[in-house]
Amino acid sequence: MTLKTLLAKSSPLRSGDVLAGIAAESEQERIRAKMALADVPLSRFLEEPVIPYEDDEVTRLIVDSHDAATFASIRHLTVEDFAPGCSPIPRRRRRWRRSLPN
């Protein structure tokens, strides 16, 4: 799943996402998307811009001013590691889920 789709499906229901056909089709799908987003490494946001560089001034600003040396110390973190309050899953259940074989 692309990062753009994952972000759309994990966010609260919005009419624009529904009209674009990228909204989660159920609350279960939204929760699965949130769980998947929690495991996304921060580095993926640089590798896979949600809006193409050529089309968006903010994306260009982020990419052009990115400090790779500073980012190196956190690039391995996941969204959940970086912002633990964003996860819809209680901490002990997240640890249990991560201990399961793939």
N, C-alpha and C. Protein backbone atom coordinates (compact mmCIF):
# COMPACT_ATOMS: atom_id res chain seq x y z
N MET A 1 0.85 -1.17 0.00
CA MET A 1 0.00 0.00 0.00
C MET A 1 0.90 1.24 0.00
N THR A 2 0.57 2.19 -0.83
CA THR A 2 1.38 3.41 -0.88
C THR A 2 1.19 4.20 0.41
N LEU A 3 2.16 5.05 0.70
CA LEU A 3 2.08 5.89 1.89
C LEU A 3 0.87 6.82 1.80
N LYS A 4 0.61 7.33 0.63
CA LYS A 4 -0.54 8.23 0.42
C LYS A 4 -1.84 7.52 0.76
N THR A 5 -2.01 6.30 0.29
CA THR A 5 -3.22 5.53 0.56
C THR A 5 -3.31 5.17 2.04
N LEU A 6 -2.19 4.78 2.62
CA LEU A 6 -2.15 4.43 4.03
C LEU A 6 -2.56 5.61 4.91
N LEU A 7 -2.07 6.78 4.60
CA LEU A 7 -2.43 7.98 5.35
C LEU A 7 -3.92 8.30 5.19
N ALA A 8 -4.43 8.16 3.98
CA ALA A 8 -5.85 8.45 3.73
C ALA A 8 -6.75 7.47 4.47
N LYS A 9 -6.40 6.19 4.41
CA LYS A 9 -7.24 5.17 5.04
C LYS A 9 -7.16 5.21 6.57
N SER A 10 -6.07 5.70 7.12
CA SER A 10 -5.92 5.73 8.57
C SER A 10 -6.49 6.99 9.21
N SER A 11 -6.81 7.98 8.41
CA SER A 11 -7.33 9.24 8.96
C SER A 11 -8.84 9.17 9.17
N PRO A 12 -9.39 10.06 9.99
CA PRO A 12 -10.85 10.09 10.17
C PRO A 12 -11.56 10.26 8.83
N LEU A 13 -12.77 9.76 8.76
CA LEU A 13 -13.54 9.82 7.52
C LEU A 13 -13.73 11.27 7.07
N ARG A 14 -13.37 11.52 5.80
CA ARG A 14 -13.51 12.85 5.21
C ARG A 14 -14.18 12.69 3.85
N SER A 15 -15.08 13.60 3.55
CA SER A 15 -15.83 13.50 2.30
C SER A 15 -14.90 13.56 1.09
N GLY A 16 -13.84 14.35 1.16
CA GLY A 16 -12.91 14.44 0.04
C GLY A 16 -12.22 13.12 -0.24
N ASP A 17 -11.85 12.39 0.83
CA ASP A 17 -11.23 11.07 0.65
C ASP A 17 -12.23 10.08 0.06
N VAL A 18 -13.49 10.19 0.48
CA VAL A 18 -14.53 9.32 -0.06
C VAL A 18 -14.71 9.61 -1.54
N LEU A 19 -14.81 10.90 -1.90
CA LEU A 19 -14.99 11.27 -3.31
C LEU A 19 -13.80 10.84 -4.17
N ALA A 20 -12.60 10.87 -3.58
CA ALA A 20 -11.40 10.45 -4.31
C ALA A 20 -11.24 8.94 -4.35
N GLY A 21 -12.09 8.24 -3.58
CA GLY A 21 -12.02 6.78 -3.57
C GLY A 21 -10.86 6.22 -2.77
N ILE A 22 -10.32 6.99 -1.83
CA ILE A 22 -9.16 6.52 -1.07
C ILE A 22 -9.46 6.37 0.43
N ALA A 23 -10.70 6.61 0.84
CA ALA A 23 -11.06 6.46 2.25
C ALA A 23 -11.19 4.98 2.61
N ALA A 24 -10.99 4.68 3.90
CA ALA A 24 -11.21 3.32 4.38
C ALA A 24 -12.69 2.98 4.18
N GLU A 25 -12.95 1.75 3.80
CA GLU A 25 -14.33 1.34 3.53
C GLU A 25 -15.08 0.92 4.78
N SER A 26 -14.34 0.74 5.89
CA SER A 26 -14.97 0.36 7.15
C SER A 26 -14.09 0.82 8.30
N GLU A 27 -14.64 0.81 9.50
CA GLU A 27 -13.85 1.17 10.67
C GLU A 27 -12.74 0.15 10.91
N GLN A 28 -13.00 -1.12 10.59
CA GLN A 28 -11.98 -2.16 10.72
C GLN A 28 -10.80 -1.87 9.78
N GLU A 29 -11.09 -1.46 8.55
CA GLU A 29 -10.02 -1.14 7.61
C GLU A 29 -9.24 0.08 8.09
N ARG A 30 -9.93 1.05 8.69
CA ARG A 30 -9.27 2.24 9.22
C ARG A 30 -8.31 1.85 10.37
N ILE A 31 -8.75 0.97 11.24
CA ILE A 31 -7.90 0.52 12.35
C ILE A 31 -6.70 -0.26 11.83
N ARG A 32 -6.92 -1.13 10.84
CA ARG A 32 -5.79 -1.87 10.24
C ARG A 32 -4.79 -0.91 9.62
N ALA A 33 -5.29 0.14 8.97
CA ALA A 33 -4.41 1.14 8.36
C ALA A 33 -3.63 1.89 9.44
N LYS A 34 -4.28 2.21 10.54
CA LYS A 34 -3.58 2.89 11.65
C LYS A 34 -2.49 2.00 12.23
N MET A 35 -2.78 0.71 12.35
CA MET A 35 -1.77 -0.23 12.86
C MET A 35 -0.59 -0.32 11.89
N ALA A 36 -0.88 -0.36 10.60
CA ALA A 36 0.18 -0.41 9.60
C ALA A 36 0.99 0.88 9.61
N LEU A 37 0.31 2.01 9.73
CA LEU A 37 1.00 3.30 9.76
C LEU A 37 1.93 3.40 10.97
N ALA A 38 1.52 2.84 12.09
CA ALA A 38 2.35 2.87 13.30
C ALA A 38 3.70 2.20 13.06
N ASP A 39 3.76 1.22 12.16
CA ASP A 39 4.99 0.48 11.88
C ASP A 39 5.83 1.07 10.75
N VAL A 40 5.38 2.15 10.15
CA VAL A 40 6.12 2.77 9.04
C VAL A 40 7.34 3.52 9.58
N PRO A 41 8.54 3.23 9.03
CA PRO A 41 9.72 3.98 9.47
C PRO A 41 9.66 5.42 8.95
N LEU A 42 10.20 6.34 9.73
CA LEU A 42 10.19 7.75 9.34
C LEU A 42 10.89 7.96 8.00
N SER A 43 11.89 7.15 7.71
CA SER A 43 12.64 7.30 6.45
C SER A 43 11.73 7.15 5.23
N ARG A 44 10.64 6.41 5.36
CA ARG A 44 9.74 6.22 4.22
C ARG A 44 9.10 7.52 3.78
N PHE A 45 8.90 8.47 4.71
CA PHE A 45 8.29 9.74 4.34
C PHE A 45 9.20 10.55 3.41
N LEU A 46 10.51 10.35 3.51
CA LEU A 46 11.44 11.01 2.59
C LEU A 46 11.56 10.25 1.28
N GLU A 47 11.49 8.94 1.36
CA GLU A 47 11.65 8.09 0.17
C GLU A 47 10.41 8.11 -0.72
N GLU A 48 9.26 8.37 -0.13
CA GLU A 48 7.99 8.29 -0.86
C GLU A 48 7.13 9.53 -0.57
N PRO A 49 7.47 10.66 -1.16
CA PRO A 49 6.68 11.87 -0.90
C PRO A 49 5.21 11.65 -1.26
N VAL A 50 4.32 12.12 -0.41
CA VAL A 50 2.89 11.95 -0.64
C VAL A 50 2.44 12.80 -1.83
N ILE A 51 3.02 13.97 -1.95
CA ILE A 51 2.74 14.85 -3.09
C ILE A 51 4.05 15.00 -3.87
N PRO A 52 4.02 14.79 -5.17
CA PRO A 52 5.26 14.86 -5.96
C PRO A 52 6.01 16.19 -5.77
N TYR A 53 7.32 16.11 -5.72
CA TYR A 53 8.20 17.25 -5.55
C TYR A 53 7.87 18.37 -6.54
N GLU A 54 7.64 17.99 -7.78
CA GLU A 54 7.40 18.96 -8.85
C GLU A 54 6.09 19.72 -8.67
N ASP A 55 5.14 19.13 -7.94
CA ASP A 55 3.79 19.69 -7.83
C ASP A 55 3.53 20.50 -6.57
N ASP A 56 4.45 20.47 -5.61
CA ASP A 56 4.12 21.05 -4.31
C ASP A 56 5.29 21.81 -3.70
N GLU A 57 5.03 23.07 -3.39
CA GLU A 57 6.06 23.94 -2.83
C GLU A 57 6.50 23.48 -1.43
N VAL A 58 5.57 23.00 -0.63
CA VAL A 58 5.92 22.54 0.73
C VAL A 58 6.80 21.30 0.66
N THR A 59 6.48 20.38 -0.23
CA THR A 59 7.32 19.19 -0.41
C THR A 59 8.72 19.60 -0.83
N ARG A 60 8.82 20.54 -1.75
CA ARG A 60 10.15 21.01 -2.19
C ARG A 60 10.92 21.63 -1.03
N LEU A 61 10.24 22.42 -0.21
CA LEU A 61 10.89 23.04 0.95
C LEU A 61 11.42 21.98 1.91
N ILE A 62 10.62 20.97 2.20
CA ILE A 62 11.03 19.90 3.11
C ILE A 62 12.23 19.15 2.54
N VAL A 63 12.15 18.75 1.29
CA VAL A 63 13.24 17.98 0.67
C VAL A 63 14.51 18.82 0.54
N ASP A 64 14.36 20.07 0.10
CA ASP A 64 15.54 20.92 -0.12
C ASP A 64 16.23 21.33 1.17
N SER A 65 15.48 21.43 2.28
CA SER A 65 16.09 21.86 3.54
C SER A 65 16.37 20.69 4.48
N HIS A 66 16.15 19.48 4.02
CA HIS A 66 16.36 18.29 4.85
C HIS A 66 17.83 18.16 5.27
N ASP A 67 18.04 17.92 6.56
CA ASP A 67 19.39 17.75 7.11
C ASP A 67 19.61 16.27 7.38
N ALA A 68 20.23 15.58 6.44
CA ALA A 68 20.42 14.13 6.54
C ALA A 68 21.23 13.72 7.76
N ALA A 69 22.21 14.51 8.13
CA ALA A 69 23.05 14.16 9.29
C ALA A 69 22.23 14.18 10.58
N THR A 70 21.39 15.17 10.74
CA THR A 70 20.55 15.24 11.93
C THR A 70 19.49 14.15 11.91
N PHE A 71 18.90 13.90 10.76
CA PHE A 71 17.85 12.90 10.62
C PHE A 71 18.38 11.48 10.82
N ALA A 72 19.66 11.26 10.59
CA ALA A 72 20.25 9.92 10.69
C ALA A 72 19.99 9.26 12.04
N SER A 73 19.95 10.05 13.09
CA SER A 73 19.77 9.48 14.43
C SER A 73 18.34 8.99 14.69
N ILE A 74 17.37 9.41 13.88
CA ILE A 74 15.99 8.98 14.09
C ILE A 74 15.37 8.30 12.88
N ARG A 75 16.08 8.19 11.79
CA ARG A 75 15.51 7.66 10.55
C ARG A 75 14.98 6.24 10.69
N HIS A 76 15.52 5.48 11.63
CA HIS A 76 15.09 4.10 11.85
C HIS A 76 13.81 4.00 12.68
N LEU A 77 13.43 5.08 13.36
CA LEU A 77 12.24 5.05 14.20
C LEU A 77 10.98 4.87 13.35
N THR A 78 9.99 4.24 13.95
CA THR A 78 8.69 4.13 13.28
C THR A 78 7.83 5.31 13.72
N VAL A 79 6.69 5.47 13.07
CA VAL A 79 5.76 6.53 13.46
C VAL A 79 5.39 6.34 14.92
N GLU A 80 5.13 5.12 15.33
CA GLU A 80 4.77 4.82 16.72
C GLU A 80 5.91 5.15 17.68
N ASP A 81 7.14 4.83 17.31
CA ASP A 81 8.29 5.15 18.16
C ASP A 81 8.44 6.66 18.33
N PHE A 82 8.22 7.38 17.24
CA PHE A 82 8.41 8.83 17.23
C PHE A 82 7.27 9.56 17.93
N ALA A 83 6.04 9.06 17.75
CA ALA A 83 4.86 9.70 18.34
C ALA A 83 3.96 8.63 18.95
N PRO A 84 4.34 8.08 20.11
CA PRO A 84 3.60 6.95 20.68
C PRO A 84 2.14 7.22 20.97
N GLY A 85 1.77 8.45 21.21
CA GLY A 85 0.37 8.77 21.49
C GLY A 85 -0.54 8.66 20.28
N CYS A 86 0.03 8.51 19.11
CA CYS A 86 -0.77 8.45 17.88
C CYS A 86 -1.34 7.07 17.59
N SER A 87 -0.85 6.06 18.29
CA SER A 87 -1.30 4.70 18.00
C SER A 87 -2.65 4.40 18.64
N PRO A 88 -3.53 3.70 17.90
CA PRO A 88 -4.84 3.35 18.45
C PRO A 88 -4.80 2.12 19.34
N ILE A 89 -3.62 1.51 19.50
CA ILE A 89 -3.48 0.25 20.20
C ILE A 89 -2.76 0.46 21.53
N PRO A 90 -3.30 -0.07 22.64
CA PRO A 90 -2.60 0.07 23.92
C PRO A 90 -1.18 -0.50 23.85
N ARG A 91 -0.25 0.07 24.59
CA ARG A 91 1.16 -0.30 24.54
C ARG A 91 1.43 -1.78 24.74
N ARG A 92 0.84 -2.41 25.76
CA ARG A 92 1.15 -3.82 26.01
C ARG A 92 0.67 -4.69 24.86
N ARG A 93 -0.44 -4.32 24.21
CA ARG A 93 -0.93 -5.08 23.07
C ARG A 93 -0.01 -4.89 21.87
N ARG A 94 0.57 -3.69 21.70
CA ARG A 94 1.50 -3.44 20.60
C ARG A 94 2.74 -4.32 20.76
N ARG A 95 3.26 -4.41 22.01
CA ARG A 95 4.44 -5.25 22.25
C ARG A 95 4.12 -6.71 21.92
N TRP A 96 2.93 -7.16 22.32
CA TRP A 96 2.51 -8.53 22.05
C TRP A 96 2.39 -8.76 20.55
N ARG A 97 1.77 -7.81 19.84
CA ARG A 97 1.58 -7.95 18.38
C ARG A 97 2.91 -8.03 17.67
N ARG A 98 3.88 -7.23 18.09
CA ARG A 98 5.19 -7.23 17.44
C ARG A 98 5.98 -8.51 17.72
N SER A 99 5.62 -9.23 18.79
CA SER A 99 6.33 -10.46 19.10
C SER A 99 5.81 -11.64 18.28
N LEU A 100 4.67 -11.46 17.60
CA LEU A 100 4.12 -12.52 16.78
C LEU A 100 4.94 -12.74 15.51
N PRO A 101 5.04 -13.98 15.05
CA PRO A 101 5.74 -14.21 13.78
C PRO A 101 4.94 -13.62 12.63
N ASN A 102 5.63 -13.21 11.56
CA ASN A 102 4.94 -12.62 10.40
C ASN A 102 4.15 -13.61 9.67
